[in-house]
Amino acid sequence: MFVHSVYFWLKNSLSDEEVRTFREGLHSLEGIEVSRATYVGVPANTDRPVIDRSYSFALTVLFDDLAGHDAYQVHPVHKAFVQTYAGYWDRVVIYDAE
């Protein structure tokens, strides 16, 4: 299994409508057939010193293997998401695990 975890810090200047369309954009990634499962979320309401709740959205995508991840990266839906929404975030951090 290959786990692709992406954390987005959106620009503070975005309107509520832009944040809503960004979330919809994240959900569009659920249709990429090489992924086993996709989860879109926001920081959980947990409060412990070790938890970073500073991000705006989290995206977690599960693949069978690295080949699935690599196919996802060049998929037209993923490429369109990046092209459309890259200007919406100040920061993005990715953690991949296998």
N, C-alpha and C. Protein backbone atom coordinates (compact mmCIF):
# COMPACT_ATOMS: atom_id res chain seq x y z
N MET A 1 0.85 -1.18 0.00
CA MET A 1 0.00 0.00 0.00
C MET A 1 0.89 1.24 0.00
N PHE A 2 0.42 2.28 -0.66
CA PHE A 2 1.11 3.57 -0.73
C PHE A 2 0.13 4.64 -0.28
N VAL A 3 0.52 5.45 0.71
CA VAL A 3 -0.35 6.49 1.28
C VAL A 3 0.22 7.85 0.93
N HIS A 4 -0.59 8.67 0.29
CA HIS A 4 -0.21 10.02 -0.16
C HIS A 4 -1.03 11.01 0.66
N SER A 5 -0.37 11.73 1.58
CA SER A 5 -1.05 12.68 2.46
C SER A 5 -0.60 14.09 2.11
N VAL A 6 -1.56 14.95 1.81
CA VAL A 6 -1.26 16.31 1.36
C VAL A 6 -1.98 17.29 2.28
N TYR A 7 -1.25 18.30 2.74
CA TYR A 7 -1.82 19.33 3.63
C TYR A 7 -1.69 20.68 2.96
N PHE A 8 -2.80 21.40 2.92
CA PHE A 8 -2.88 22.70 2.24
C PHE A 8 -3.13 23.81 3.25
N TRP A 9 -2.37 24.88 3.14
CA TRP A 9 -2.61 26.12 3.88
C TRP A 9 -3.10 27.13 2.85
N LEU A 10 -4.39 27.43 2.88
CA LEU A 10 -4.96 28.35 1.91
C LEU A 10 -4.64 29.80 2.26
N LYS A 11 -4.65 30.64 1.24
CA LYS A 11 -4.42 32.07 1.44
C LYS A 11 -5.56 32.66 2.25
N ASN A 12 -5.23 33.51 3.20
CA ASN A 12 -6.25 34.16 4.03
C ASN A 12 -7.17 35.07 3.23
N SER A 13 -6.72 35.50 2.07
CA SER A 13 -7.50 36.44 1.27
C SER A 13 -8.62 35.77 0.47
N LEU A 14 -8.70 34.44 0.48
CA LEU A 14 -9.74 33.75 -0.29
C LEU A 14 -11.12 34.04 0.28
N SER A 15 -12.08 34.18 -0.61
CA SER A 15 -13.47 34.35 -0.19
C SER A 15 -14.05 32.99 0.22
N ASP A 16 -15.19 33.02 0.88
CA ASP A 16 -15.87 31.78 1.25
C ASP A 16 -16.19 30.96 0.00
N GLU A 17 -16.56 31.62 -1.08
CA GLU A 17 -16.86 30.94 -2.34
C GLU A 17 -15.61 30.26 -2.90
N GLU A 18 -14.48 30.91 -2.84
CA GLU A 18 -13.24 30.31 -3.33
C GLU A 18 -12.85 29.10 -2.48
N VAL A 19 -13.04 29.18 -1.18
CA VAL A 19 -12.75 28.04 -0.31
C VAL A 19 -13.69 26.89 -0.65
N ARG A 20 -14.96 27.19 -0.91
CA ARG A 20 -15.92 26.15 -1.28
C ARG A 20 -15.52 25.49 -2.60
N THR A 21 -15.12 26.27 -3.59
CA THR A 21 -14.73 25.68 -4.87
C THR A 21 -13.42 24.89 -4.74
N PHE A 22 -12.53 25.33 -3.86
CA PHE A 22 -11.32 24.55 -3.61
C PHE A 22 -11.68 23.17 -3.05
N ARG A 23 -12.58 23.15 -2.08
CA ARG A 23 -13.03 21.87 -1.51
C ARG A 23 -13.64 20.99 -2.61
N GLU A 24 -14.45 21.57 -3.47
CA GLU A 24 -15.02 20.81 -4.59
C GLU A 24 -13.92 20.27 -5.49
N GLY A 25 -12.89 21.09 -5.71
CA GLY A 25 -11.75 20.63 -6.51
C GLY A 25 -11.07 19.43 -5.89
N LEU A 26 -10.89 19.47 -4.57
CA LEU A 26 -10.32 18.31 -3.89
C LEU A 26 -11.19 17.07 -4.10
N HIS A 27 -12.49 17.24 -3.98
CA HIS A 27 -13.40 16.09 -4.16
C HIS A 27 -13.37 15.58 -5.60
N SER A 28 -13.01 16.42 -6.57
CA SER A 28 -12.92 15.94 -7.95
C SER A 28 -11.84 14.88 -8.11
N LEU A 29 -10.86 14.89 -7.21
CA LEU A 29 -9.78 13.91 -7.27
C LEU A 29 -10.24 12.51 -6.89
N GLU A 30 -11.41 12.41 -6.25
CA GLU A 30 -11.94 11.10 -5.86
C GLU A 30 -12.25 10.22 -7.06
N GLY A 31 -12.45 10.80 -8.21
CA GLY A 31 -12.81 10.03 -9.39
C GLY A 31 -11.64 9.43 -10.14
N ILE A 32 -10.43 9.66 -9.68
CA ILE A 32 -9.26 9.11 -10.37
C ILE A 32 -9.17 7.62 -10.04
N GLU A 33 -9.32 6.81 -11.06
CA GLU A 33 -9.54 5.37 -10.87
C GLU A 33 -8.36 4.60 -10.29
N VAL A 34 -7.14 5.13 -10.34
CA VAL A 34 -6.00 4.38 -9.78
C VAL A 34 -5.95 4.45 -8.26
N SER A 35 -6.75 5.33 -7.66
CA SER A 35 -6.74 5.42 -6.20
C SER A 35 -7.68 4.38 -5.60
N ARG A 36 -7.26 3.81 -4.49
CA ARG A 36 -8.06 2.83 -3.77
C ARG A 36 -9.11 3.54 -2.91
N ALA A 37 -8.70 4.65 -2.30
CA ALA A 37 -9.60 5.45 -1.46
C ALA A 37 -9.07 6.87 -1.39
N THR A 38 -9.98 7.82 -1.23
CA THR A 38 -9.61 9.23 -1.12
C THR A 38 -10.41 9.85 0.02
N TYR A 39 -9.73 10.64 0.84
CA TYR A 39 -10.39 11.33 1.94
C TYR A 39 -10.01 12.80 1.92
N VAL A 40 -11.01 13.66 2.04
CA VAL A 40 -10.81 15.11 2.13
C VAL A 40 -11.33 15.54 3.50
N GLY A 41 -10.54 16.32 4.23
CA GLY A 41 -10.98 16.77 5.54
C GLY A 41 -10.35 18.08 5.95
N VAL A 42 -10.78 18.55 7.10
CA VAL A 42 -10.25 19.76 7.73
C VAL A 42 -9.68 19.35 9.09
N PRO A 43 -8.93 20.22 9.75
CA PRO A 43 -8.36 19.83 11.04
C PRO A 43 -9.43 19.37 12.03
N ALA A 44 -9.14 18.26 12.68
CA ALA A 44 -10.06 17.72 13.69
C ALA A 44 -10.01 18.61 14.94
N ASN A 45 -11.07 18.56 15.70
CA ASN A 45 -11.16 19.36 16.92
C ASN A 45 -10.47 18.63 18.07
N THR A 46 -9.17 18.41 17.91
CA THR A 46 -8.36 17.78 18.95
C THR A 46 -7.37 18.82 19.45
N ASP A 47 -7.08 18.76 20.73
CA ASP A 47 -6.22 19.78 21.33
C ASP A 47 -5.17 19.13 22.21
N ARG A 48 -4.02 18.84 21.59
CA ARG A 48 -2.87 18.32 22.32
C ARG A 48 -1.64 19.05 21.80
N PRO A 49 -0.62 19.23 22.59
CA PRO A 49 0.55 20.00 22.16
C PRO A 49 1.23 19.47 20.89
N VAL A 50 1.12 18.19 20.61
CA VAL A 50 1.81 17.60 19.46
C VAL A 50 1.02 17.71 18.15
N ILE A 51 -0.19 18.22 18.20
CA ILE A 51 -1.05 18.26 17.01
C ILE A 51 -0.94 19.61 16.32
N ASP A 52 -0.71 19.56 15.02
CA ASP A 52 -0.66 20.78 14.19
C ASP A 52 -2.02 20.93 13.52
N ARG A 53 -2.77 21.92 13.93
CA ARG A 53 -4.09 22.19 13.34
C ARG A 53 -4.06 23.45 12.48
N SER A 54 -2.89 23.86 12.04
CA SER A 54 -2.76 25.13 11.34
C SER A 54 -3.12 25.06 9.85
N TYR A 55 -3.26 23.87 9.30
CA TYR A 55 -3.57 23.72 7.88
C TYR A 55 -5.06 23.96 7.63
N SER A 56 -5.39 24.17 6.36
CA SER A 56 -6.79 24.43 5.97
C SER A 56 -7.52 23.15 5.56
N PHE A 57 -6.86 22.33 4.73
CA PHE A 57 -7.45 21.09 4.23
C PHE A 57 -6.41 19.99 4.19
N ALA A 58 -6.87 18.77 4.39
CA ALA A 58 -6.04 17.58 4.25
C ALA A 58 -6.64 16.70 3.15
N LEU A 59 -5.76 16.12 2.36
CA LEU A 59 -6.16 15.15 1.34
C LEU A 59 -5.32 13.90 1.56
N THR A 60 -5.98 12.76 1.71
CA THR A 60 -5.28 11.49 1.84
C THR A 60 -5.77 10.56 0.74
N VAL A 61 -4.82 10.01 -0.01
CA VAL A 61 -5.16 9.12 -1.11
C VAL A 61 -4.38 7.82 -0.93
N LEU A 62 -5.08 6.70 -1.03
CA LEU A 62 -4.45 5.38 -0.91
C LEU A 62 -4.32 4.74 -2.29
N PHE A 63 -3.16 4.15 -2.52
CA PHE A 63 -2.89 3.44 -3.77
C PHE A 63 -2.40 2.03 -3.44
N ASP A 64 -2.50 1.14 -4.41
CA ASP A 64 -1.96 -0.20 -4.22
C ASP A 64 -0.44 -0.18 -4.11
N ASP A 65 0.19 0.73 -4.88
CA ASP A 65 1.65 0.75 -4.93
C ASP A 65 2.13 2.08 -5.51
N LEU A 66 3.44 2.21 -5.61
CA LEU A 66 4.05 3.43 -6.15
C LEU A 66 3.61 3.68 -7.59
N ALA A 67 3.43 2.63 -8.37
CA ALA A 67 3.00 2.79 -9.76
C ALA A 67 1.64 3.48 -9.83
N GLY A 68 0.72 3.14 -8.91
CA GLY A 68 -0.57 3.82 -8.87
C GLY A 68 -0.42 5.29 -8.55
N HIS A 69 0.44 5.60 -7.59
CA HIS A 69 0.72 6.99 -7.24
C HIS A 69 1.27 7.75 -8.44
N ASP A 70 2.22 7.14 -9.14
CA ASP A 70 2.84 7.80 -10.28
C ASP A 70 1.83 8.06 -11.40
N ALA A 71 0.91 7.11 -11.61
CA ALA A 71 -0.14 7.30 -12.62
C ALA A 71 -1.09 8.43 -12.20
N TYR A 72 -1.38 8.52 -10.92
CA TYR A 72 -2.24 9.58 -10.37
C TYR A 72 -1.63 10.96 -10.63
N GLN A 73 -0.32 11.08 -10.44
CA GLN A 73 0.34 12.37 -10.58
C GLN A 73 0.20 12.96 -11.98
N VAL A 74 0.14 12.12 -13.00
CA VAL A 74 0.05 12.60 -14.38
C VAL A 74 -1.37 12.49 -14.94
N HIS A 75 -2.32 12.05 -14.13
CA HIS A 75 -3.71 11.93 -14.58
C HIS A 75 -4.25 13.32 -14.91
N PRO A 76 -5.02 13.46 -15.99
CA PRO A 76 -5.54 14.78 -16.39
C PRO A 76 -6.35 15.49 -15.30
N VAL A 77 -7.10 14.76 -14.49
CA VAL A 77 -7.89 15.40 -13.43
C VAL A 77 -6.96 15.99 -12.37
N HIS A 78 -5.91 15.25 -12.01
CA HIS A 78 -4.95 15.77 -11.02
C HIS A 78 -4.21 16.98 -11.58
N LYS A 79 -3.77 16.88 -12.82
CA LYS A 79 -3.05 18.00 -13.43
C LYS A 79 -3.93 19.24 -13.52
N ALA A 80 -5.21 19.06 -13.84
CA ALA A 80 -6.15 20.19 -13.91
C ALA A 80 -6.36 20.80 -12.53
N PHE A 81 -6.44 19.95 -11.49
CA PHE A 81 -6.59 20.46 -10.13
C PHE A 81 -5.41 21.36 -9.77
N VAL A 82 -4.20 20.88 -10.00
CA VAL A 82 -3.01 21.67 -9.66
C VAL A 82 -2.99 22.97 -10.44
N GLN A 83 -3.27 22.90 -11.73
CA GLN A 83 -3.25 24.11 -12.56
C GLN A 83 -4.31 25.11 -12.11
N THR A 84 -5.48 24.64 -11.76
CA THR A 84 -6.58 25.52 -11.38
C THR A 84 -6.39 26.12 -10.00
N TYR A 85 -5.90 25.35 -9.05
CA TYR A 85 -5.93 25.77 -7.65
C TYR A 85 -4.57 26.12 -7.03
N ALA A 86 -3.48 25.99 -7.75
CA ALA A 86 -2.16 26.28 -7.17
C ALA A 86 -2.08 27.70 -6.61
N GLY A 87 -2.80 28.62 -7.18
CA GLY A 87 -2.80 29.99 -6.69
C GLY A 87 -3.62 30.20 -5.44
N TYR A 88 -4.32 29.16 -4.98
CA TYR A 88 -5.17 29.28 -3.80
C TYR A 88 -4.41 29.04 -2.50
N TRP A 89 -3.26 28.36 -2.57
CA TRP A 89 -2.57 28.04 -1.33
C TRP A 89 -1.27 28.82 -1.18
N ASP A 90 -0.95 29.07 0.10
CA ASP A 90 0.33 29.67 0.46
C ASP A 90 1.39 28.59 0.65
N ARG A 91 0.93 27.43 1.06
CA ARG A 91 1.86 26.35 1.41
C ARG A 91 1.17 25.01 1.19
N VAL A 92 1.95 24.05 0.75
CA VAL A 92 1.47 22.67 0.65
C VAL A 92 2.60 21.76 1.13
N VAL A 93 2.25 20.77 1.94
CA VAL A 93 3.23 19.80 2.44
C VAL A 93 2.69 18.41 2.14
N ILE A 94 3.57 17.55 1.63
CA ILE A 94 3.17 16.20 1.25
C ILE A 94 4.00 15.19 2.03
N TYR A 95 3.32 14.19 2.58
CA TYR A 95 3.97 13.06 3.24
C TYR A 95 3.52 11.80 2.52
N ASP A 96 4.47 11.06 1.96
CA ASP A 96 4.18 9.79 1.32
C ASP A 96 4.74 8.67 2.19
N ALA A 97 3.98 7.59 2.31
CA ALA A 97 4.42 6.45 3.11
C ALA A 97 4.05 5.16 2.39
N GLU A 98 4.89 4.15 2.60
CA GLU A 98 4.57 2.82 2.06
C GLU A 98 4.90 1.75 3.06
